[in-house]
Amino acid sequence: MSDKKRSGCVVAAVVGLLVLVGVIALVFVYSFKAVRHGKREVEEQIAEFKAREEARAAVERESTVTAVQLREGELADYSGYQKGDALSPEMFLAWRLDPGATTLAKEVFVEKVEGAAVTWRLQAGDLRTQGETIVGTFQLPYAKSDPKGRNLQTGVESIECRFAAGSKESLLAIRRDRPAMIAGRLSLVNGGVVIEDARLATEDVEK
């Protein structure tokens, strides 16, 4: 074989090798881009899924009343409550669920909290007219656990709310088994739990 032919074969081989390397490089580049694009799509889908789940969880939280969480040994010290202070649901339940309280302690607390201002998130029941008053049945759910967080007791406290007849229109937004923020004055006389002069604390009532 002449030098000319041999040289042509070498050139052809080199060109063929370069073409092959170029094709492999292009395949690698496009494959890398495809992987990156696919990864980006997967990440976007995961982000969208998380956003949807968070939105669904937020709607679910807003459509139910979260039980007041109480832990044995860490209950609010209701003995220090001062007349005229606003009363939290945690302090009220600490008094209500205290098995070791004496009759005297119970009676003194009832005297102190008569007329106390409350603003509680409650679960709505029924509403009905009663003379010049609108009476509503509501519930305050709670969950009591031991110091290690293990559940000991769950329940609901039934609360009667008494609204002025003039608030009828605003109360039409209240739905059964949905939360409503109720404000008013607490009364524990005669063994009942009543919120007098009740009103919606906000205009945003779950529908």
Protein backbone atom coordinates (compact mmCIF):
# COMPACT_ATOMS: atom_id res chain seq x y z
CA MET A 1 0.00 0.00 0.00
CA SER A 2 1.35 3.38 -0.96
CA ASP A 3 2.09 6.07 1.58
CA LYS A 4 -0.71 8.14 0.08
CA LYS A 5 -3.32 5.45 0.63
CA ARG A 6 -2.00 4.71 4.10
CA SER A 7 -2.17 8.35 4.97
CA GLY A 8 -5.76 8.56 3.67
CA CYS A 9 -6.78 5.60 5.83
CA VAL A 10 -5.25 7.23 8.90
CA VAL A 11 -7.09 10.48 8.19
CA ALA A 12 -10.35 8.61 7.66
CA ALA A 13 -9.83 6.72 10.90
CA VAL A 14 -9.07 9.92 12.78
CA VAL A 15 -12.12 11.63 11.29
CA GLY A 16 -14.29 8.62 12.13
CA LEU A 17 -12.97 8.63 15.70
CA LEU A 18 -13.64 12.34 16.03
CA VAL A 19 -17.16 11.89 14.70
CA LEU A 20 -17.74 9.05 17.18
CA VAL A 21 -16.39 11.13 20.04
CA GLY A 22 -18.60 14.02 18.93
CA VAL A 23 -21.68 11.79 18.81
CA ILE A 24 -20.90 10.38 22.26
CA ALA A 25 -20.40 13.90 23.59
CA LEU A 26 -23.71 15.04 22.12
CA VAL A 27 -25.49 12.03 23.56
CA PHE A 28 -23.93 12.73 26.97
CA VAL A 29 -24.87 16.42 26.84
CA TYR A 30 -28.46 15.75 25.82
CA SER A 31 -28.76 12.93 28.33
CA PHE A 32 -27.44 15.23 31.07
CA LYS A 33 -29.91 17.95 30.05
CA ALA A 34 -32.75 15.42 29.98
CA VAL A 35 -31.83 14.17 33.47
CA ARG A 36 -31.65 17.73 34.81
CA HIS A 37 -34.98 18.58 33.19
CA GLY A 38 -36.56 15.42 34.57
CA LYS A 39 -35.15 16.12 38.02
CA ARG A 40 -36.48 19.67 37.88
CA GLU A 41 -39.93 18.39 36.90
CA VAL A 42 -39.89 15.86 39.75
CA GLU A 43 -38.84 18.55 42.22
CA GLU A 44 -41.61 20.86 40.97
CA GLN A 45 -44.18 18.07 41.30
CA ILE A 46 -42.99 17.31 44.85
CA ALA A 47 -43.18 21.02 45.76
CA GLU A 48 -46.71 21.26 44.31
CA PHE A 49 -47.78 18.14 46.22
CA LYS A 50 -46.39 19.52 49.48
CA ALA A 51 -48.13 22.85 48.89
CA ARG A 52 -51.45 21.09 48.25
CA GLU A 53 -51.07 18.95 51.38
CA GLU A 54 -50.18 21.96 53.52
CA ALA A 55 -53.18 23.86 52.17
CA ARG A 56 -55.46 20.86 52.81
CA ALA A 57 -54.11 20.49 56.36
CA ALA A 58 -54.63 24.21 56.99
CA VAL A 59 -58.24 23.99 55.82
CA GLU A 60 -58.78 20.92 57.98
CA ARG A 61 -57.31 22.68 61.03
CA GLU A 62 -59.52 25.69 60.47
CA SER A 63 -62.66 23.55 60.08
CA THR A 64 -62.26 21.79 63.43
CA VAL A 65 -61.68 22.87 66.98
CA THR A 66 -58.31 21.68 68.26
CA ALA A 67 -58.64 20.13 71.69
CA VAL A 68 -57.06 22.14 74.50
CA GLN A 69 -53.90 20.22 75.43
CA LEU A 70 -53.38 19.64 79.15
CA ARG A 71 -50.52 17.78 80.80
CA GLU A 72 -50.72 16.25 84.25
CA GLY A 73 -48.39 18.05 86.65
CA GLU A 74 -48.29 21.13 84.43
CA LEU A 75 -51.86 22.37 84.76
CA ALA A 76 -52.44 26.09 85.15
CA ASP A 77 -52.49 27.28 88.77
CA TYR A 78 -56.06 28.49 88.99
CA SER A 79 -55.65 29.31 92.70
CA GLY A 80 -53.74 32.42 91.65
CA TYR A 81 -56.55 33.74 89.48
CA GLN A 82 -57.54 37.31 90.38
CA LYS A 83 -61.06 38.59 90.00
CA GLY A 84 -61.39 40.83 86.96
CA ASP A 85 -58.73 39.04 84.91
CA ALA A 86 -59.59 37.42 81.59
CA LEU A 87 -59.95 33.64 81.92
CA SER A 88 -58.20 31.24 79.56
CA PRO A 89 -59.72 27.87 78.63
CA GLU A 90 -56.58 26.18 80.05
CA MET A 91 -57.14 27.70 83.50
CA PHE A 92 -60.85 26.93 83.42
CA LEU A 93 -60.19 23.27 82.54
CA ALA A 94 -57.45 22.99 85.17
CA TRP A 95 -60.09 23.90 87.77
CA ARG A 96 -62.73 21.70 86.19
CA LEU A 97 -60.53 18.59 85.99
CA ASP A 98 -58.70 18.92 89.31
CA PRO A 99 -59.61 15.80 91.35
CA GLY A 100 -57.72 17.00 94.43
CA ALA A 101 -59.45 20.36 94.83
CA THR A 102 -61.36 20.90 98.05
CA THR A 103 -64.93 22.12 98.04
CA LEU A 104 -63.69 25.43 99.45
CA ALA A 105 -61.18 25.89 96.62
CA LYS A 106 -63.88 25.12 94.07
CA GLU A 107 -66.32 27.59 95.64
CA VAL A 108 -63.74 30.40 95.88
CA PHE A 109 -62.81 29.97 92.22
CA VAL A 110 -66.48 30.12 91.18
CA GLU A 111 -66.87 33.36 93.13
CA LYS A 112 -63.77 34.91 91.56
CA VAL A 113 -64.57 34.03 87.95
CA GLU A 114 -68.19 35.16 88.01
CA GLY A 115 -68.40 37.66 85.15
CA ALA A 116 -64.84 37.04 83.94
CA ALA A 117 -64.12 38.01 80.34
CA VAL A 118 -63.56 35.05 78.02
CA THR A 119 -62.73 34.69 74.34
CA TRP A 120 -62.77 31.00 73.50
CA ARG A 121 -62.68 29.02 70.28
CA LEU A 122 -65.61 26.61 70.58
CA GLN A 123 -67.31 23.98 68.47
CA ALA A 124 -70.83 25.03 67.57
CA GLY A 125 -73.93 22.98 68.20
CA ASP A 126 -77.47 24.30 67.86
CA LEU A 127 -78.83 27.84 68.15
CA ARG A 128 -82.42 28.65 69.12
CA THR A 129 -84.47 31.60 70.26
CA GLN A 130 -85.61 31.69 73.86
CA GLY A 131 -87.73 34.73 74.58
CA GLU A 132 -85.60 37.82 74.00
CA THR A 133 -82.41 35.74 73.94
CA ILE A 134 -80.71 33.43 71.47
CA VAL A 135 -79.28 30.40 73.22
CA GLY A 136 -76.51 28.33 71.68
CA THR A 137 -75.00 25.01 72.71
CA PHE A 138 -71.24 24.82 72.22
CA GLN A 139 -68.42 22.48 73.21
CA LEU A 140 -64.86 22.95 74.40
CA PRO A 141 -62.86 19.77 73.64
CA TYR A 142 -59.79 18.85 75.69
CA ALA A 143 -57.12 16.16 75.91
CA LYS A 144 -55.23 15.42 79.10
CA SER A 145 -51.94 13.49 79.03
CA ASP A 146 -49.39 12.28 81.57
CA PRO A 147 -45.92 13.88 81.92
CA LYS A 148 -44.61 11.58 79.15
CA GLY A 149 -47.30 12.72 76.73
CA ARG A 150 -49.36 9.54 76.91
CA ASN A 151 -53.08 10.14 76.61
CA LEU A 152 -55.01 9.77 79.87
CA GLN A 153 -58.32 11.47 79.23
CA THR A 154 -60.23 13.19 76.45
CA GLY A 155 -63.58 14.87 76.62
CA VAL A 156 -65.66 17.94 75.94
CA GLU A 157 -67.01 20.62 78.21
CA SER A 158 -70.56 21.68 77.32
CA ILE A 159 -71.04 25.44 77.32
CA GLU A 160 -74.24 27.42 76.90
CA CYS A 161 -73.88 30.77 75.14
CA ARG A 162 -76.55 33.44 75.47
CA PHE A 163 -76.70 36.05 72.72
CA ALA A 164 -78.78 39.21 72.50
CA ALA A 165 -81.73 38.94 70.11
CA GLY A 166 -80.30 41.84 68.11
CA SER A 167 -77.32 39.70 67.06
CA LYS A 168 -79.51 37.27 65.12
CA GLU A 169 -78.23 38.24 61.67
CA SER A 170 -74.56 37.85 62.58
CA LEU A 171 -75.24 34.42 64.09
CA LEU A 172 -76.65 33.02 60.85
CA ALA A 173 -73.06 32.36 59.75
CA ILE A 174 -72.55 29.80 62.53
CA ARG A 175 -72.71 26.18 61.34
CA ARG A 176 -73.05 23.00 63.38
CA ASP A 177 -69.78 21.20 64.18
CA ARG A 178 -67.73 24.18 62.99
CA PRO A 179 -65.53 26.50 65.06
CA ALA A 180 -66.64 29.91 66.24
CA MET A 181 -64.71 32.38 68.36
CA ILE A 182 -67.06 33.43 71.13
CA ALA A 183 -66.49 36.29 73.57
CA GLY A 184 -68.53 37.23 76.60
CA ARG A 185 -68.73 36.95 80.40
CA LEU A 186 -68.43 33.57 82.12
CA SER A 187 -70.89 32.40 84.75
CA LEU A 188 -70.52 29.16 86.73
CA VAL A 189 -73.40 29.63 89.15
CA ASN A 190 -75.87 26.78 89.68
CA GLY A 191 -73.34 24.26 88.36
CA GLY A 192 -73.64 25.27 84.72
CA VAL A 193 -71.07 26.80 82.36
CA VAL A 194 -72.62 29.80 80.67
CA ILE A 195 -71.21 32.64 78.58
CA GLU A 196 -73.48 35.64 79.09
CA ASP A 197 -73.62 38.62 76.69
CA ALA A 198 -72.06 36.30 74.13
CA ARG A 199 -70.98 37.63 70.74
CA LEU A 200 -68.85 36.55 67.82
CA ALA A 201 -65.31 37.71 68.52
CA THR A 202 -64.54 37.84 64.78
CA GLU A 203 -66.61 38.00 61.63
CA ASP A 204 -64.71 35.01 60.19
CA VAL A 205 -66.90 32.05 61.08
CA GLU A 206 -66.22 28.66 59.48
CA LYS A 207 -68.92 27.71 56.98
